[in-house]
């Protein structure tokens, strides 16, 4: 995986900015067998985002091509 720049934790901090008063929580996750992809939905402060793991092991806010 590319450093920690594309880690799930770092992306959640960047996009949702959780705090002690409003922590981030995983609301759903799953695997896509056909494309061998993984996704995680995270919520904080009333905002919810989906994060997708790509073939290189990095996490992004967009799905891999072909998903």
N, C-alpha and C. Protein backbone atom coordinates (compact mmCIF):
# COMPACT_ATOMS: atom_id res chain seq x y z
N UNK A 1 0.84 -1.18 0.00
CA UNK A 1 0.00 0.00 0.00
C UNK A 1 0.88 1.23 0.00
N UNK A 2 0.41 2.28 -0.59
CA UNK A 2 1.15 3.54 -0.66
C UNK A 2 1.12 4.25 0.68
N UNK A 3 2.23 4.28 1.35
CA UNK A 3 2.35 4.97 2.64
C UNK A 3 1.07 4.87 3.45
N UNK A 4 0.81 5.89 4.22
CA UNK A 4 -0.47 5.94 4.93
C UNK A 4 -1.34 7.03 4.32
N UNK A 5 -0.87 7.61 3.21
CA UNK A 5 -1.61 8.70 2.56
C UNK A 5 -3.01 8.25 2.14
N UNK A 6 -3.14 6.99 1.75
CA UNK A 6 -4.41 6.49 1.27
C UNK A 6 -4.99 5.44 2.21
N UNK A 7 -4.66 5.55 3.51
CA UNK A 7 -5.24 4.63 4.48
C UNK A 7 -6.68 5.05 4.76
N UNK A 8 -7.49 4.12 5.17
CA UNK A 8 -8.89 4.42 5.47
C UNK A 8 -8.98 5.43 6.61
N UNK A 9 -8.18 5.26 7.62
CA UNK A 9 -8.20 6.17 8.77
C UNK A 9 -7.91 7.61 8.33
N UNK A 10 -6.91 7.77 7.51
CA UNK A 10 -6.54 9.13 7.07
C UNK A 10 -7.64 9.76 6.22
N UNK A 11 -8.25 8.96 5.35
CA UNK A 11 -9.32 9.51 4.52
C UNK A 11 -10.55 9.89 5.34
N UNK A 12 -10.88 9.07 6.34
CA UNK A 12 -12.01 9.41 7.22
C UNK A 12 -11.71 10.72 7.95
N UNK A 13 -10.50 10.86 8.46
CA UNK A 13 -10.12 12.11 9.12
C UNK A 13 -10.21 13.30 8.17
N UNK A 14 -9.75 13.11 6.95
CA UNK A 14 -9.74 14.20 5.96
C UNK A 14 -11.15 14.62 5.54
N UNK A 15 -12.00 13.65 5.21
CA UNK A 15 -13.30 13.95 4.64
C UNK A 15 -14.39 14.19 5.68
N UNK A 16 -14.33 13.51 6.82
CA UNK A 16 -15.41 13.62 7.80
C UNK A 16 -15.02 14.35 9.08
N UNK A 17 -13.74 14.54 9.33
CA UNK A 17 -13.23 15.27 10.50
C UNK A 17 -13.94 14.90 11.80
N UNK A 18 -13.89 13.62 12.17
CA UNK A 18 -14.56 13.22 13.41
C UNK A 18 -13.91 13.86 14.64
N UNK A 19 -14.71 14.03 15.67
CA UNK A 19 -14.22 14.60 16.93
C UNK A 19 -14.64 13.66 18.06
N UNK A 20 -14.18 13.96 19.25
CA UNK A 20 -14.57 13.15 20.40
C UNK A 20 -16.08 13.26 20.64
N UNK A 21 -16.63 14.43 20.40
CA UNK A 21 -18.06 14.64 20.58
C UNK A 21 -18.88 13.99 19.46
N UNK A 22 -18.29 13.86 18.29
CA UNK A 22 -18.98 13.25 17.15
C UNK A 22 -18.02 12.29 16.44
N UNK A 23 -17.82 11.13 17.03
CA UNK A 23 -16.86 10.17 16.46
C UNK A 23 -17.37 9.54 15.15
N UNK A 24 -16.46 9.01 14.40
CA UNK A 24 -16.81 8.30 13.18
C UNK A 24 -17.24 6.88 13.54
N UNK A 25 -18.21 6.36 12.80
CA UNK A 25 -18.60 4.97 13.01
C UNK A 25 -18.90 4.32 11.68
N UNK A 26 -18.56 3.06 11.59
CA UNK A 26 -18.82 2.28 10.39
C UNK A 26 -20.30 1.91 10.40
N UNK A 27 -21.01 2.24 9.32
CA UNK A 27 -22.44 1.94 9.23
C UNK A 27 -22.72 0.74 8.34
N UNK A 28 -21.82 0.45 7.41
CA UNK A 28 -21.96 -0.75 6.58
C UNK A 28 -20.61 -1.05 5.92
N UNK A 29 -20.45 -2.29 5.52
CA UNK A 29 -19.26 -2.70 4.79
C UNK A 29 -19.59 -3.94 4.01
N UNK A 30 -18.79 -4.22 3.02
CA UNK A 30 -19.04 -5.41 2.23
C UNK A 30 -17.92 -5.69 1.25
N UNK A 31 -18.08 -6.82 0.59
CA UNK A 31 -17.11 -7.27 -0.41
C UNK A 31 -17.85 -7.54 -1.70
N UNK A 32 -17.23 -7.20 -2.77
CA UNK A 32 -17.80 -7.46 -4.08
C UNK A 32 -17.02 -8.61 -4.68
N UNK A 33 -17.55 -9.80 -4.62
CA UNK A 33 -16.85 -11.00 -5.06
C UNK A 33 -16.41 -10.92 -6.52
N UNK A 34 -17.27 -10.42 -7.36
CA UNK A 34 -16.95 -10.38 -8.79
C UNK A 34 -15.71 -9.55 -9.08
N UNK A 35 -15.59 -8.42 -8.42
CA UNK A 35 -14.46 -7.53 -8.67
C UNK A 35 -13.44 -7.56 -7.53
N UNK A 36 -13.70 -8.40 -6.55
CA UNK A 36 -12.81 -8.52 -5.40
C UNK A 36 -12.57 -7.18 -4.73
N UNK A 37 -13.59 -6.36 -4.69
CA UNK A 37 -13.47 -5.05 -4.06
C UNK A 37 -14.09 -5.04 -2.68
N UNK A 38 -13.65 -4.09 -1.88
CA UNK A 38 -14.18 -3.90 -0.54
C UNK A 38 -14.64 -2.46 -0.41
N UNK A 39 -15.77 -2.28 0.27
CA UNK A 39 -16.23 -0.92 0.53
C UNK A 39 -16.63 -0.80 1.99
N UNK A 40 -16.56 0.43 2.51
CA UNK A 40 -16.93 0.73 3.88
C UNK A 40 -17.68 2.04 3.88
N UNK A 41 -18.83 2.09 4.57
CA UNK A 41 -19.57 3.33 4.75
C UNK A 41 -19.30 3.83 6.16
N UNK A 42 -18.94 5.09 6.26
CA UNK A 42 -18.59 5.69 7.55
C UNK A 42 -19.42 6.95 7.74
N UNK A 43 -19.87 7.16 8.98
CA UNK A 43 -20.70 8.32 9.30
C UNK A 43 -20.09 9.10 10.46
N UNK A 44 -20.19 10.42 10.37
CA UNK A 44 -19.76 11.31 11.45
C UNK A 44 -20.46 12.64 11.27
N UNK A 45 -20.95 13.22 12.35
CA UNK A 45 -21.63 14.52 12.33
C UNK A 45 -22.77 14.57 11.33
N UNK A 46 -23.48 13.47 11.17
CA UNK A 46 -24.62 13.43 10.26
C UNK A 46 -24.25 13.27 8.79
N UNK A 47 -22.96 13.21 8.48
CA UNK A 47 -22.51 12.98 7.11
C UNK A 47 -22.11 11.53 6.97
N UNK A 48 -22.37 10.96 5.80
CA UNK A 48 -22.02 9.58 5.55
C UNK A 48 -21.29 9.50 4.21
N UNK A 49 -20.23 8.72 4.17
CA UNK A 49 -19.46 8.54 2.93
C UNK A 49 -19.08 7.09 2.75
N UNK A 50 -18.95 6.70 1.50
CA UNK A 50 -18.48 5.35 1.18
C UNK A 50 -17.02 5.46 0.74
N UNK A 51 -16.21 4.51 1.18
CA UNK A 51 -14.80 4.44 0.81
C UNK A 51 -14.57 3.08 0.16
N UNK A 52 -13.76 3.06 -0.89
CA UNK A 52 -13.53 1.86 -1.67
C UNK A 52 -12.06 1.49 -1.68
N UNK A 53 -11.78 0.20 -1.47
CA UNK A 53 -10.40 -0.27 -1.51
C UNK A 53 -10.08 -0.73 -2.93
N UNK A 54 -8.98 -0.24 -3.46
CA UNK A 54 -8.56 -0.57 -4.82
C UNK A 54 -7.55 -1.71 -4.81
N UNK A 55 -7.24 -2.19 -5.99
CA UNK A 55 -6.33 -3.32 -6.14
C UNK A 55 -4.94 -3.09 -5.57
N UNK A 56 -4.51 -1.84 -5.47
CA UNK A 56 -3.18 -1.54 -4.92
C UNK A 56 -3.19 -1.48 -3.40
N UNK A 57 -4.37 -1.72 -2.78
CA UNK A 57 -4.48 -1.71 -1.34
C UNK A 57 -4.85 -0.36 -0.75
N UNK A 58 -4.88 0.68 -1.58
CA UNK A 58 -5.21 2.02 -1.10
C UNK A 58 -6.73 2.22 -1.09
N UNK A 59 -7.19 3.12 -0.24
CA UNK A 59 -8.61 3.46 -0.15
C UNK A 59 -8.87 4.79 -0.85
N UNK A 60 -10.02 4.89 -1.51
CA UNK A 60 -10.41 6.10 -2.23
C UNK A 60 -11.90 6.35 -2.02
N UNK A 61 -12.37 7.55 -2.41
CA UNK A 61 -13.78 7.87 -2.29
C UNK A 61 -14.54 7.54 -3.59
N UNK A 62 -13.89 6.91 -4.54
CA UNK A 62 -14.52 6.47 -5.78
C UNK A 62 -14.23 4.99 -5.98
N UNK A 63 -15.16 4.27 -6.58
CA UNK A 63 -14.96 2.82 -6.77
C UNK A 63 -13.92 2.54 -7.84
N UNK A 64 -13.31 1.35 -7.77
CA UNK A 64 -12.38 0.96 -8.83
C UNK A 64 -13.10 0.86 -10.17
N UNK A 65 -12.38 1.01 -11.24
CA UNK A 65 -12.95 0.88 -12.57
C UNK A 65 -13.53 -0.51 -12.74
N UNK A 66 -14.71 -0.58 -13.30
CA UNK A 66 -15.35 -1.88 -13.55
C UNK A 66 -16.23 -2.37 -12.41
N UNK A 67 -16.37 -1.58 -11.36
CA UNK A 67 -17.22 -2.02 -10.24
C UNK A 67 -18.61 -1.53 -10.47
